N, C-alpha and C. Protein backbone atom coordinates (compact mmCIF):
# COMPACT_ATOMS: atom_id res chain seq x y z
N MET A 1 10.25 -8.59 -3.45
CA MET A 1 9.08 -7.73 -3.22
C MET A 1 9.08 -7.22 -1.78
N LYS A 2 9.04 -5.91 -1.65
CA LYS A 2 9.08 -5.32 -0.32
C LYS A 2 7.71 -5.38 0.36
N ARG A 3 7.71 -5.74 1.64
CA ARG A 3 6.48 -5.76 2.43
C ARG A 3 6.43 -4.50 3.30
N ILE A 4 5.30 -3.82 3.28
CA ILE A 4 5.16 -2.51 3.92
C ILE A 4 3.96 -2.51 4.85
N LEU A 5 4.12 -1.91 6.02
CA LEU A 5 3.00 -1.72 6.95
C LEU A 5 2.50 -0.28 6.84
N ALA A 6 1.18 -0.13 6.74
CA ALA A 6 0.54 1.18 6.62
C ALA A 6 -0.48 1.34 7.75
N PRO A 7 -0.04 1.80 8.94
CA PRO A 7 -0.99 1.98 10.04
C PRO A 7 -2.06 3.02 9.68
N SER A 8 -3.31 2.67 9.95
CA SER A 8 -4.43 3.58 9.65
C SER A 8 -4.73 4.45 10.86
N ILE A 9 -4.56 5.77 10.69
CA ILE A 9 -4.77 6.68 11.83
C ILE A 9 -6.23 6.81 12.21
N LEU A 10 -7.13 6.21 11.44
CA LEU A 10 -8.54 6.22 11.83
C LEU A 10 -8.73 5.60 13.21
N ALA A 11 -7.83 4.68 13.57
CA ALA A 11 -7.93 3.98 14.86
C ALA A 11 -7.04 4.60 15.94
N ALA A 12 -6.34 5.68 15.59
CA ALA A 12 -5.42 6.29 16.55
C ALA A 12 -6.17 7.13 17.59
N ASP A 13 -5.48 7.44 18.69
CA ASP A 13 -5.99 8.36 19.69
C ASP A 13 -5.52 9.75 19.29
N PHE A 14 -6.44 10.59 18.82
CA PHE A 14 -6.05 11.88 18.28
C PHE A 14 -5.49 12.83 19.33
N LYS A 15 -5.72 12.53 20.60
CA LYS A 15 -5.10 13.34 21.65
C LYS A 15 -3.59 13.10 21.70
N ALA A 16 -3.19 11.95 21.17
CA ALA A 16 -1.76 11.59 21.22
C ALA A 16 -1.26 11.20 19.83
N LEU A 17 -1.87 11.77 18.79
CA LEU A 17 -1.58 11.33 17.43
C LEU A 17 -0.12 11.50 17.06
N GLY A 18 0.46 12.64 17.39
CA GLY A 18 1.87 12.88 17.03
C GLY A 18 2.78 11.82 17.63
N ASP A 19 2.58 11.52 18.90
CA ASP A 19 3.42 10.52 19.57
C ASP A 19 3.18 9.13 18.98
N GLN A 20 1.92 8.80 18.70
CA GLN A 20 1.62 7.48 18.16
C GLN A 20 2.19 7.31 16.75
N MET A 21 2.11 8.35 15.93
CA MET A 21 2.74 8.31 14.61
C MET A 21 4.23 8.05 14.73
N LYS A 22 4.87 8.77 15.65
CA LYS A 22 6.31 8.62 15.85
C LYS A 22 6.66 7.19 16.25
N GLN A 23 5.85 6.59 17.10
CA GLN A 23 6.10 5.21 17.52
C GLN A 23 6.04 4.24 16.34
N THR A 24 5.06 4.45 15.46
CA THR A 24 4.96 3.55 14.30
C THR A 24 6.14 3.76 13.35
N GLU A 25 6.53 5.00 13.17
CA GLU A 25 7.66 5.29 12.27
C GLU A 25 8.96 4.69 12.81
N GLU A 26 9.20 4.89 14.09
CA GLU A 26 10.45 4.43 14.69
C GLU A 26 10.56 2.90 14.70
N ASN A 27 9.42 2.22 14.61
CA ASN A 27 9.43 0.76 14.66
C ASN A 27 9.22 0.11 13.30
N GLY A 28 9.31 0.91 12.24
CA GLY A 28 9.41 0.32 10.91
C GLY A 28 8.25 0.52 9.95
N ALA A 29 7.19 1.23 10.35
CA ALA A 29 6.06 1.46 9.44
C ALA A 29 6.41 2.58 8.46
N GLU A 30 6.54 2.24 7.20
CA GLU A 30 6.98 3.23 6.20
C GLU A 30 5.85 4.12 5.71
N TYR A 31 4.62 3.60 5.76
CA TYR A 31 3.47 4.37 5.29
C TYR A 31 2.62 4.81 6.49
N LEU A 32 1.80 5.83 6.27
CA LEU A 32 0.75 6.23 7.19
C LEU A 32 -0.53 6.33 6.36
N HIS A 33 -1.55 5.58 6.75
CA HIS A 33 -2.75 5.41 5.94
C HIS A 33 -3.87 6.32 6.44
N PHE A 34 -4.48 7.07 5.50
CA PHE A 34 -5.57 7.99 5.81
C PHE A 34 -6.85 7.48 5.17
N ASP A 35 -7.79 7.04 6.00
CA ASP A 35 -9.09 6.59 5.51
C ASP A 35 -10.03 7.79 5.47
N VAL A 36 -10.22 8.33 4.28
CA VAL A 36 -11.03 9.54 4.11
C VAL A 36 -12.44 9.14 3.67
N MET A 37 -13.44 9.52 4.45
CA MET A 37 -14.83 9.14 4.18
C MET A 37 -15.71 10.38 4.08
N ASP A 38 -16.64 10.34 3.12
CA ASP A 38 -17.41 11.55 2.83
C ASP A 38 -18.88 11.51 3.25
N GLY A 39 -19.34 10.37 3.81
CA GLY A 39 -20.74 10.28 4.19
C GLY A 39 -21.67 10.06 3.00
N MET A 40 -21.10 9.90 1.81
CA MET A 40 -21.90 9.66 0.60
C MET A 40 -21.56 8.30 -0.01
N PHE A 41 -20.31 8.12 -0.40
CA PHE A 41 -19.90 6.81 -0.91
C PHE A 41 -19.98 5.76 0.18
N VAL A 42 -19.62 6.15 1.39
CA VAL A 42 -19.79 5.31 2.58
C VAL A 42 -20.60 6.10 3.60
N PRO A 43 -21.27 5.44 4.54
CA PRO A 43 -22.13 6.16 5.49
C PRO A 43 -21.37 7.06 6.46
N SER A 44 -20.14 6.67 6.79
CA SER A 44 -19.40 7.41 7.82
C SER A 44 -18.71 8.64 7.25
N ILE A 45 -18.35 9.54 8.15
CA ILE A 45 -17.55 10.72 7.83
C ILE A 45 -16.31 10.67 8.71
N SER A 46 -15.14 10.87 8.13
CA SER A 46 -13.92 10.82 8.95
C SER A 46 -13.22 12.17 8.96
N PHE A 47 -12.18 12.33 8.15
CA PHE A 47 -11.41 13.57 8.13
C PHE A 47 -10.90 13.79 6.71
N GLY A 48 -10.32 14.96 6.48
CA GLY A 48 -9.88 15.29 5.13
C GLY A 48 -8.54 15.99 5.08
N MET A 49 -8.44 16.93 4.15
CA MET A 49 -7.16 17.57 3.87
C MET A 49 -6.53 18.29 5.06
N PRO A 50 -7.30 18.99 5.92
CA PRO A 50 -6.65 19.72 7.01
C PRO A 50 -5.85 18.82 7.96
N VAL A 51 -6.36 17.62 8.23
CA VAL A 51 -5.63 16.71 9.12
C VAL A 51 -4.34 16.25 8.45
N LEU A 52 -4.43 15.88 7.19
CA LEU A 52 -3.23 15.47 6.46
C LEU A 52 -2.20 16.59 6.42
N LYS A 53 -2.65 17.78 6.11
CA LYS A 53 -1.73 18.92 6.02
C LYS A 53 -1.06 19.21 7.35
N SER A 54 -1.82 19.06 8.44
CA SER A 54 -1.29 19.43 9.76
C SER A 54 -0.20 18.50 10.24
N ILE A 55 -0.21 17.24 9.79
CA ILE A 55 0.80 16.29 10.28
C ILE A 55 1.83 15.93 9.22
N HIS A 56 1.66 16.47 8.01
CA HIS A 56 2.55 16.12 6.92
C HIS A 56 4.02 16.36 7.26
N GLY A 57 4.30 17.46 7.92
CA GLY A 57 5.68 17.80 8.24
C GLY A 57 6.21 17.15 9.50
N ALA A 58 5.37 16.38 10.18
CA ALA A 58 5.76 15.80 11.47
C ALA A 58 6.33 14.39 11.33
N THR A 59 6.36 13.86 10.11
CA THR A 59 6.84 12.50 9.90
C THR A 59 7.43 12.38 8.51
N SER A 60 8.34 11.45 8.34
CA SER A 60 8.89 11.19 7.01
C SER A 60 8.18 10.02 6.34
N GLN A 61 7.13 9.50 6.98
CA GLN A 61 6.37 8.39 6.41
C GLN A 61 5.65 8.80 5.13
N VAL A 62 5.44 7.84 4.26
CA VAL A 62 4.69 8.07 3.03
C VAL A 62 3.23 8.33 3.40
N MET A 63 2.68 9.41 2.87
CA MET A 63 1.29 9.77 3.15
C MET A 63 0.38 9.06 2.15
N ASP A 64 -0.33 8.05 2.63
CA ASP A 64 -1.10 7.12 1.83
C ASP A 64 -2.59 7.42 2.03
N ALA A 65 -3.19 8.17 1.09
CA ALA A 65 -4.57 8.63 1.23
C ALA A 65 -5.53 7.72 0.48
N HIS A 66 -6.45 7.12 1.22
CA HIS A 66 -7.47 6.22 0.67
C HIS A 66 -8.80 6.97 0.67
N LEU A 67 -9.25 7.38 -0.52
CA LEU A 67 -10.43 8.23 -0.62
C LEU A 67 -11.69 7.40 -0.85
N MET A 68 -12.44 7.20 0.23
CA MET A 68 -13.76 6.57 0.13
C MET A 68 -14.76 7.70 -0.08
N VAL A 69 -14.67 8.27 -1.28
CA VAL A 69 -15.34 9.54 -1.59
C VAL A 69 -15.97 9.43 -2.97
N GLN A 70 -17.19 9.94 -3.10
CA GLN A 70 -17.86 9.94 -4.40
C GLN A 70 -17.20 10.96 -5.32
N GLU A 71 -16.90 10.56 -6.52
CA GLU A 71 -16.21 11.39 -7.52
C GLU A 71 -14.98 12.09 -6.92
N PRO A 72 -13.99 11.32 -6.51
CA PRO A 72 -12.81 11.89 -5.84
C PRO A 72 -11.97 12.80 -6.71
N ILE A 73 -12.19 12.76 -8.01
CA ILE A 73 -11.43 13.63 -8.90
C ILE A 73 -11.53 15.10 -8.48
N ARG A 74 -12.62 15.43 -7.81
CA ARG A 74 -12.84 16.82 -7.35
C ARG A 74 -11.80 17.28 -6.34
N TYR A 75 -11.16 16.33 -5.65
CA TYR A 75 -10.29 16.69 -4.52
C TYR A 75 -8.83 16.32 -4.72
N ILE A 76 -8.48 15.80 -5.89
CA ILE A 76 -7.12 15.32 -6.10
C ILE A 76 -6.09 16.43 -5.88
N GLU A 77 -6.31 17.58 -6.46
CA GLU A 77 -5.35 18.69 -6.31
C GLU A 77 -5.22 19.11 -4.85
N ASP A 78 -6.33 19.10 -4.13
CA ASP A 78 -6.30 19.50 -2.71
C ASP A 78 -5.48 18.51 -1.89
N PHE A 79 -5.57 17.23 -2.20
CA PHE A 79 -4.78 16.26 -1.46
C PHE A 79 -3.30 16.37 -1.80
N LYS A 80 -3.00 16.72 -3.02
CA LYS A 80 -1.60 16.98 -3.38
C LYS A 80 -1.05 18.14 -2.55
N LYS A 81 -1.81 19.22 -2.48
CA LYS A 81 -1.37 20.40 -1.72
C LYS A 81 -1.24 20.08 -0.23
N ALA A 82 -2.06 19.17 0.26
CA ALA A 82 -2.02 18.80 1.68
C ALA A 82 -0.84 17.90 2.02
N GLY A 83 -0.22 17.29 0.98
CA GLY A 83 0.96 16.48 1.24
C GLY A 83 0.84 15.01 0.95
N ALA A 84 -0.21 14.59 0.27
CA ALA A 84 -0.36 13.16 -0.04
C ALA A 84 0.71 12.71 -1.04
N ASP A 85 1.22 11.51 -0.84
CA ASP A 85 2.18 10.90 -1.76
C ASP A 85 1.50 9.88 -2.67
N ILE A 86 0.52 9.18 -2.11
CA ILE A 86 -0.26 8.19 -2.84
C ILE A 86 -1.74 8.52 -2.64
N VAL A 87 -2.50 8.50 -3.73
CA VAL A 87 -3.94 8.66 -3.62
C VAL A 87 -4.61 7.44 -4.25
N THR A 88 -5.43 6.77 -3.46
CA THR A 88 -6.17 5.60 -3.93
C THR A 88 -7.65 5.95 -3.97
N VAL A 89 -8.28 5.69 -5.10
CA VAL A 89 -9.70 5.98 -5.28
C VAL A 89 -10.44 4.68 -5.53
N HIS A 90 -11.75 4.69 -5.31
CA HIS A 90 -12.55 3.50 -5.52
C HIS A 90 -13.07 3.42 -6.94
N LEU A 91 -12.88 2.27 -7.55
CA LEU A 91 -13.43 2.02 -8.87
C LEU A 91 -14.92 2.34 -8.89
N GLU A 92 -15.61 1.94 -7.84
CA GLU A 92 -17.07 2.08 -7.77
C GLU A 92 -17.53 3.53 -7.59
N ALA A 93 -16.61 4.43 -7.22
CA ALA A 93 -16.98 5.81 -6.91
C ALA A 93 -16.68 6.79 -8.04
N CYS A 94 -16.10 6.27 -9.13
CA CYS A 94 -15.65 7.15 -10.22
C CYS A 94 -16.47 6.94 -11.48
N THR A 95 -16.96 8.02 -12.04
CA THR A 95 -17.64 7.95 -13.33
C THR A 95 -16.66 7.60 -14.43
N ASP A 96 -15.46 8.19 -14.35
CA ASP A 96 -14.41 7.94 -15.34
C ASP A 96 -13.13 7.61 -14.58
N ILE A 97 -12.86 6.32 -14.37
CA ILE A 97 -11.72 5.92 -13.55
C ILE A 97 -10.40 6.30 -14.21
N ARG A 98 -10.31 6.19 -15.53
CA ARG A 98 -9.05 6.52 -16.20
C ARG A 98 -8.75 8.03 -16.13
N LYS A 99 -9.76 8.84 -16.23
CA LYS A 99 -9.58 10.29 -16.10
C LYS A 99 -9.12 10.63 -14.68
N THR A 100 -9.66 9.92 -13.69
CA THR A 100 -9.28 10.15 -12.30
C THR A 100 -7.83 9.74 -12.07
N ILE A 101 -7.43 8.59 -12.60
CA ILE A 101 -6.04 8.15 -12.49
C ILE A 101 -5.11 9.16 -13.15
N ALA A 102 -5.51 9.65 -14.32
CA ALA A 102 -4.68 10.63 -15.03
C ALA A 102 -4.52 11.91 -14.22
N LYS A 103 -5.56 12.30 -13.50
CA LYS A 103 -5.48 13.50 -12.66
C LYS A 103 -4.48 13.29 -11.52
N ILE A 104 -4.49 12.11 -10.93
CA ILE A 104 -3.52 11.80 -9.86
C ILE A 104 -2.10 11.88 -10.41
N ARG A 105 -1.88 11.30 -11.59
CA ARG A 105 -0.58 11.34 -12.24
C ARG A 105 -0.15 12.78 -12.55
N GLU A 106 -1.10 13.54 -13.05
CA GLU A 106 -0.83 14.94 -13.39
C GLU A 106 -0.34 15.72 -12.17
N CYS A 107 -0.83 15.33 -11.00
CA CYS A 107 -0.43 15.99 -9.75
C CYS A 107 0.82 15.37 -9.14
N LYS A 108 1.49 14.49 -9.90
CA LYS A 108 2.78 13.90 -9.50
C LYS A 108 2.67 13.06 -8.23
N MET A 109 1.58 12.32 -8.11
CA MET A 109 1.41 11.37 -7.00
C MET A 109 1.29 9.97 -7.56
N LYS A 110 1.56 8.98 -6.73
CA LYS A 110 1.31 7.60 -7.11
C LYS A 110 -0.20 7.36 -7.10
N ALA A 111 -0.66 6.50 -8.02
CA ALA A 111 -2.09 6.27 -8.17
C ALA A 111 -2.46 4.86 -7.75
N GLY A 112 -3.53 4.77 -6.95
CA GLY A 112 -4.06 3.49 -6.54
C GLY A 112 -5.54 3.40 -6.86
N VAL A 113 -6.01 2.18 -7.06
CA VAL A 113 -7.45 1.93 -7.25
C VAL A 113 -7.87 0.87 -6.25
N SER A 114 -9.02 1.07 -5.63
CA SER A 114 -9.55 0.13 -4.64
C SER A 114 -10.84 -0.49 -5.14
N ILE A 115 -11.07 -1.73 -4.70
CA ILE A 115 -12.35 -2.39 -4.99
C ILE A 115 -12.98 -2.89 -3.69
N CYS A 116 -14.31 -2.79 -3.63
CA CYS A 116 -15.08 -3.26 -2.49
C CYS A 116 -15.21 -4.79 -2.55
N PRO A 117 -15.62 -5.41 -1.45
CA PRO A 117 -15.74 -6.88 -1.44
C PRO A 117 -16.66 -7.44 -2.52
N GLU A 118 -17.68 -6.68 -2.92
CA GLU A 118 -18.64 -7.19 -3.90
C GLU A 118 -18.14 -7.10 -5.34
N THR A 119 -17.06 -6.35 -5.57
CA THR A 119 -16.59 -6.12 -6.93
C THR A 119 -15.65 -7.23 -7.39
N PRO A 120 -15.97 -7.89 -8.51
CA PRO A 120 -15.12 -8.97 -9.01
C PRO A 120 -13.77 -8.46 -9.50
N VAL A 121 -12.78 -9.30 -9.43
CA VAL A 121 -11.44 -8.97 -9.91
C VAL A 121 -11.48 -8.58 -11.39
N GLU A 122 -12.34 -9.25 -12.17
CA GLU A 122 -12.40 -9.00 -13.61
C GLU A 122 -12.73 -7.54 -13.95
N GLU A 123 -13.41 -6.85 -13.04
CA GLU A 123 -13.80 -5.47 -13.31
C GLU A 123 -12.65 -4.48 -13.15
N VAL A 124 -11.55 -4.92 -12.53
CA VAL A 124 -10.45 -3.99 -12.26
C VAL A 124 -9.12 -4.42 -12.86
N GLN A 125 -8.98 -5.68 -13.25
CA GLN A 125 -7.66 -6.16 -13.63
C GLN A 125 -7.11 -5.47 -14.87
N PHE A 126 -7.98 -4.90 -15.72
CA PHE A 126 -7.50 -4.18 -16.90
C PHE A 126 -6.73 -2.92 -16.53
N LEU A 127 -6.90 -2.45 -15.29
CA LEU A 127 -6.22 -1.24 -14.85
C LEU A 127 -4.85 -1.51 -14.22
N LEU A 128 -4.51 -2.76 -13.98
CA LEU A 128 -3.28 -3.08 -13.27
C LEU A 128 -2.03 -2.46 -13.91
N PRO A 129 -1.92 -2.41 -15.24
CA PRO A 129 -0.72 -1.80 -15.82
C PRO A 129 -0.68 -0.27 -15.66
N GLU A 130 -1.81 0.33 -15.27
CA GLU A 130 -1.92 1.79 -15.25
C GLU A 130 -1.79 2.38 -13.85
N VAL A 131 -1.75 1.53 -12.82
CA VAL A 131 -1.72 2.05 -11.45
C VAL A 131 -0.49 1.52 -10.71
N ASP A 132 -0.14 2.21 -9.64
CA ASP A 132 0.97 1.78 -8.80
C ASP A 132 0.53 0.75 -7.76
N MET A 133 -0.76 0.80 -7.42
CA MET A 133 -1.24 -0.06 -6.34
C MET A 133 -2.71 -0.40 -6.54
N LEU A 134 -3.06 -1.64 -6.23
CA LEU A 134 -4.46 -2.05 -6.18
C LEU A 134 -4.79 -2.39 -4.74
N LEU A 135 -5.83 -1.75 -4.22
CA LEU A 135 -6.25 -1.97 -2.84
C LEU A 135 -7.47 -2.88 -2.82
N VAL A 136 -7.30 -4.03 -2.18
CA VAL A 136 -8.41 -4.97 -2.00
C VAL A 136 -9.02 -4.71 -0.62
N MET A 137 -10.28 -4.30 -0.60
CA MET A 137 -10.98 -4.12 0.68
C MET A 137 -11.41 -5.49 1.20
N SER A 138 -10.92 -5.84 2.37
CA SER A 138 -11.25 -7.14 2.97
C SER A 138 -12.33 -7.01 4.04
N VAL A 139 -12.94 -5.82 4.11
CA VAL A 139 -14.17 -5.57 4.88
C VAL A 139 -14.99 -4.61 4.04
N HIS A 140 -16.21 -4.34 4.44
CA HIS A 140 -17.03 -3.35 3.74
C HIS A 140 -16.57 -1.96 4.16
N PRO A 141 -16.24 -1.09 3.21
CA PRO A 141 -15.68 0.22 3.56
C PRO A 141 -16.64 1.08 4.36
N GLY A 142 -16.07 1.83 5.29
CA GLY A 142 -16.86 2.79 6.03
C GLY A 142 -16.89 2.58 7.52
N PHE A 143 -16.50 1.41 8.01
CA PHE A 143 -16.56 1.13 9.44
C PHE A 143 -15.32 0.35 9.87
N GLY A 144 -14.78 0.68 11.02
CA GLY A 144 -13.66 -0.05 11.57
C GLY A 144 -14.13 -1.25 12.38
N GLY A 145 -13.18 -2.13 12.71
CA GLY A 145 -13.46 -3.25 13.60
C GLY A 145 -14.23 -4.41 13.01
N GLN A 146 -14.35 -4.47 11.66
CA GLN A 146 -15.08 -5.59 11.05
C GLN A 146 -14.18 -6.82 10.93
N LYS A 147 -14.82 -7.97 10.76
CA LYS A 147 -14.10 -9.23 10.59
C LYS A 147 -13.61 -9.37 9.15
N PHE A 148 -12.40 -9.86 9.00
CA PHE A 148 -11.81 -10.09 7.68
C PHE A 148 -12.67 -11.04 6.85
N ILE A 149 -12.94 -10.65 5.59
CA ILE A 149 -13.73 -11.48 4.68
C ILE A 149 -12.80 -12.47 4.00
N LEU A 150 -12.94 -13.74 4.30
CA LEU A 150 -11.99 -14.76 3.85
C LEU A 150 -11.91 -14.87 2.33
N GLU A 151 -13.01 -14.56 1.65
CA GLU A 151 -13.00 -14.62 0.19
C GLU A 151 -12.00 -13.64 -0.42
N SER A 152 -11.57 -12.65 0.36
CA SER A 152 -10.60 -11.68 -0.13
C SER A 152 -9.27 -12.35 -0.48
N LEU A 153 -8.95 -13.45 0.20
CA LEU A 153 -7.68 -14.13 -0.06
C LEU A 153 -7.62 -14.64 -1.49
N ASP A 154 -8.73 -15.15 -1.99
CA ASP A 154 -8.76 -15.64 -3.37
C ASP A 154 -8.59 -14.48 -4.35
N LYS A 155 -9.20 -13.34 -4.04
CA LYS A 155 -9.03 -12.15 -4.88
C LYS A 155 -7.56 -11.75 -4.96
N ILE A 156 -6.92 -11.74 -3.81
CA ILE A 156 -5.50 -11.36 -3.76
C ILE A 156 -4.67 -12.31 -4.61
N ARG A 157 -4.92 -13.61 -4.48
CA ARG A 157 -4.17 -14.60 -5.25
C ARG A 157 -4.35 -14.38 -6.76
N ARG A 158 -5.58 -14.12 -7.15
CA ARG A 158 -5.86 -13.95 -8.58
C ARG A 158 -5.20 -12.69 -9.12
N ILE A 159 -5.23 -11.63 -8.33
CA ILE A 159 -4.58 -10.38 -8.76
C ILE A 159 -3.07 -10.55 -8.84
N ARG A 160 -2.49 -11.22 -7.84
CA ARG A 160 -1.04 -11.46 -7.86
C ARG A 160 -0.65 -12.28 -9.09
N LYS A 161 -1.47 -13.24 -9.45
CA LYS A 161 -1.20 -14.08 -10.63
C LYS A 161 -1.15 -13.22 -11.89
N VAL A 162 -2.10 -12.32 -12.05
CA VAL A 162 -2.13 -11.44 -13.22
C VAL A 162 -0.89 -10.53 -13.23
N ILE A 163 -0.55 -9.98 -12.08
CA ILE A 163 0.62 -9.10 -11.98
C ILE A 163 1.88 -9.84 -12.40
N GLU A 164 2.03 -11.07 -11.95
CA GLU A 164 3.22 -11.85 -12.29
C GLU A 164 3.22 -12.26 -13.76
N GLU A 165 2.06 -12.63 -14.27
CA GLU A 165 1.97 -13.02 -15.69
C GLU A 165 2.32 -11.86 -16.61
N GLN A 166 1.91 -10.65 -16.20
CA GLN A 166 2.17 -9.47 -17.02
C GLN A 166 3.47 -8.77 -16.66
N LYS A 167 4.20 -9.35 -15.68
CA LYS A 167 5.48 -8.79 -15.24
C LYS A 167 5.37 -7.32 -14.84
N LEU A 168 4.36 -7.04 -14.02
CA LEU A 168 4.11 -5.69 -13.52
C LEU A 168 4.75 -5.50 -12.15
N ASN A 169 4.88 -4.25 -11.75
CA ASN A 169 5.41 -3.91 -10.42
C ASN A 169 4.32 -3.37 -9.49
N THR A 170 3.07 -3.63 -9.84
CA THR A 170 1.94 -3.10 -9.07
C THR A 170 1.88 -3.71 -7.67
N ASP A 171 1.77 -2.83 -6.67
CA ASP A 171 1.61 -3.30 -5.29
C ASP A 171 0.18 -3.77 -5.07
N ILE A 172 0.02 -4.73 -4.16
CA ILE A 172 -1.31 -5.13 -3.70
C ILE A 172 -1.42 -4.74 -2.23
N GLN A 173 -2.32 -3.81 -1.96
CA GLN A 173 -2.60 -3.38 -0.59
C GLN A 173 -3.90 -4.03 -0.14
N VAL A 174 -3.96 -4.39 1.14
CA VAL A 174 -5.18 -4.98 1.69
C VAL A 174 -5.55 -4.22 2.95
N ASP A 175 -6.84 -3.92 3.08
CA ASP A 175 -7.32 -3.06 4.17
C ASP A 175 -8.58 -3.67 4.77
N GLY A 176 -8.51 -3.97 6.08
CA GLY A 176 -9.71 -4.39 6.79
C GLY A 176 -9.58 -5.70 7.53
N GLY A 177 -9.70 -5.65 8.84
CA GLY A 177 -9.73 -6.87 9.64
C GLY A 177 -8.42 -7.62 9.73
N ILE A 178 -7.30 -6.92 9.53
CA ILE A 178 -6.00 -7.60 9.57
C ILE A 178 -5.36 -7.42 10.95
N TYR A 179 -4.96 -8.54 11.52
CA TYR A 179 -4.33 -8.58 12.85
C TYR A 179 -3.08 -9.45 12.78
N LEU A 180 -2.34 -9.49 13.85
CA LEU A 180 -1.16 -10.36 13.90
C LEU A 180 -1.53 -11.81 13.66
N SER A 181 -2.74 -12.19 14.03
CA SER A 181 -3.17 -13.58 13.92
C SER A 181 -3.44 -14.03 12.49
N ASN A 182 -3.71 -13.07 11.57
CA ASN A 182 -4.04 -13.49 10.19
C ASN A 182 -3.20 -12.80 9.12
N VAL A 183 -2.27 -11.94 9.50
CA VAL A 183 -1.51 -11.19 8.49
C VAL A 183 -0.68 -12.14 7.63
N LYS A 184 -0.19 -13.23 8.17
CA LYS A 184 0.62 -14.16 7.38
C LYS A 184 -0.20 -14.75 6.23
N GLU A 185 -1.48 -15.05 6.47
CA GLU A 185 -2.34 -15.56 5.40
C GLU A 185 -2.46 -14.55 4.27
N VAL A 186 -2.58 -13.28 4.64
CA VAL A 186 -2.72 -12.21 3.65
C VAL A 186 -1.44 -12.07 2.83
N LEU A 187 -0.30 -12.15 3.50
CA LEU A 187 0.99 -12.10 2.80
C LEU A 187 1.18 -13.32 1.91
N ASP A 188 0.81 -14.48 2.42
CA ASP A 188 0.93 -15.72 1.64
C ASP A 188 0.11 -15.65 0.36
N ALA A 189 -1.03 -14.97 0.42
CA ALA A 189 -1.89 -14.85 -0.75
C ALA A 189 -1.29 -13.96 -1.82
N GLY A 190 -0.36 -13.06 -1.42
CA GLY A 190 0.31 -12.22 -2.42
C GLY A 190 0.28 -10.74 -2.15
N ALA A 191 -0.31 -10.31 -1.05
CA ALA A 191 -0.31 -8.88 -0.72
C ALA A 191 1.06 -8.45 -0.22
N ASN A 192 1.40 -7.18 -0.44
CA ASN A 192 2.68 -6.68 0.07
C ASN A 192 2.57 -5.35 0.80
N VAL A 193 1.39 -4.73 0.82
CA VAL A 193 1.17 -3.52 1.62
C VAL A 193 -0.02 -3.78 2.54
N ILE A 194 0.25 -3.76 3.83
CA ILE A 194 -0.75 -4.16 4.83
C ILE A 194 -1.24 -2.94 5.60
N VAL A 195 -2.56 -2.72 5.54
CA VAL A 195 -3.17 -1.67 6.34
C VAL A 195 -3.69 -2.28 7.63
N ALA A 196 -3.35 -1.67 8.76
CA ALA A 196 -3.84 -2.15 10.06
C ALA A 196 -4.15 -0.94 10.92
N GLY A 197 -5.36 -0.93 11.49
CA GLY A 197 -5.78 0.19 12.32
C GLY A 197 -5.76 -0.16 13.79
N SER A 198 -6.84 -0.79 14.26
CA SER A 198 -6.93 -1.14 15.68
C SER A 198 -5.83 -2.09 16.09
N ALA A 199 -5.37 -2.95 15.19
CA ALA A 199 -4.30 -3.89 15.52
C ALA A 199 -3.00 -3.19 15.84
N VAL A 200 -2.83 -1.98 15.34
CA VAL A 200 -1.63 -1.18 15.65
C VAL A 200 -1.88 -0.24 16.81
N PHE A 201 -3.00 0.48 16.79
CA PHE A 201 -3.20 1.58 17.73
C PHE A 201 -3.89 1.20 19.02
N ASN A 202 -4.50 0.02 19.09
CA ASN A 202 -5.04 -0.44 20.37
C ASN A 202 -3.90 -1.03 21.20
N GLY A 203 -3.66 -0.45 22.34
CA GLY A 203 -2.51 -0.89 23.13
C GLY A 203 -1.31 -0.01 22.86
N ASN A 204 -0.14 -0.61 22.73
CA ASN A 204 1.10 0.13 22.51
C ASN A 204 1.44 0.14 21.02
N PRO A 205 1.31 1.28 20.34
CA PRO A 205 1.54 1.33 18.89
C PRO A 205 2.95 0.90 18.48
N GLY A 206 3.93 1.26 19.30
CA GLY A 206 5.31 0.89 18.98
C GLY A 206 5.51 -0.61 19.03
N GLU A 207 5.05 -1.23 20.10
CA GLU A 207 5.19 -2.68 20.24
C GLU A 207 4.40 -3.43 19.17
N ASN A 208 3.18 -2.94 18.89
CA ASN A 208 2.35 -3.60 17.88
C ASN A 208 2.98 -3.48 16.49
N THR A 209 3.52 -2.30 16.18
CA THR A 209 4.19 -2.11 14.89
C THR A 209 5.39 -3.04 14.77
N ARG A 210 6.16 -3.13 15.84
CA ARG A 210 7.35 -3.99 15.83
C ARG A 210 6.97 -5.46 15.59
N ALA A 211 5.87 -5.89 16.20
CA ALA A 211 5.41 -7.27 16.03
C ALA A 211 4.99 -7.53 14.58
N PHE A 212 4.29 -6.56 13.97
CA PHE A 212 3.92 -6.70 12.57
C PHE A 212 5.17 -6.77 11.69
N MET A 213 6.13 -5.88 11.96
CA MET A 213 7.31 -5.80 11.11
C MET A 213 8.17 -7.06 11.21
N GLU A 214 8.15 -7.70 12.34
CA GLU A 214 8.88 -8.97 12.44
C GLU A 214 8.34 -10.00 11.47
N ILE A 215 7.01 -10.01 11.32
CA ILE A 215 6.38 -10.95 10.38
C ILE A 215 6.65 -10.52 8.94
N LEU A 216 6.47 -9.22 8.66
CA LEU A 216 6.68 -8.73 7.30
C LEU A 216 8.13 -8.91 6.85
N ASN A 217 9.06 -8.60 7.74
CA ASN A 217 10.48 -8.69 7.39
C ASN A 217 10.94 -10.12 7.18
N ALA A 218 10.22 -11.08 7.75
CA ALA A 218 10.58 -12.48 7.56
C ALA A 218 10.41 -12.92 6.10
N TYR A 219 9.65 -12.10 5.33
CA TYR A 219 9.41 -12.42 3.92
C TYR A 219 10.47 -11.82 3.00
N GLU A 220 11.32 -10.95 3.54
CA GLU A 220 12.31 -10.26 2.70
C GLU A 220 13.33 -11.26 2.15
């Protein structure tokens, strides 16, 4: 199982975004994570398609779009046009989650589903055979810098167990409060795609990425 780092540009310095992206790519981060917020599903507003489109050609990293957006099906085609490779939507934000997943597939992108800390694993595990990735939110969506919710580790373990029992290839991504000090616990629980924002972009992004990758690569 491949372990992947997905630096979240929400924590980047946008005055130096191009250079910071390059540093993460050169030091082993295969994904670039976009936390898209609409001010409705979550209180905050971040950025959308124009930012993704503007940097799409500046990196070979996988464009990993996490839509914290109410009824995201409305924007799937736009994110495809902007250059997204993976689109993850929230179970809690979709009236018809299967129709939304089908729309992502129709647009030839990988499909992910995310659950908030309050959502039980039982409400999403039926979708595991239908998606490429399940994103476990280990903080409450909408704000950066929160503390990792320890109960998320049990969720990850339970989801990994189902994936293995059903012999699926579904990735488990985890987003929120992950640092060098606790990433090993998250990997031990069964996650293989790690989202990190401030832990990568605060300080030297290249050095921070390299430190994460040393831990992730030790699992190969």
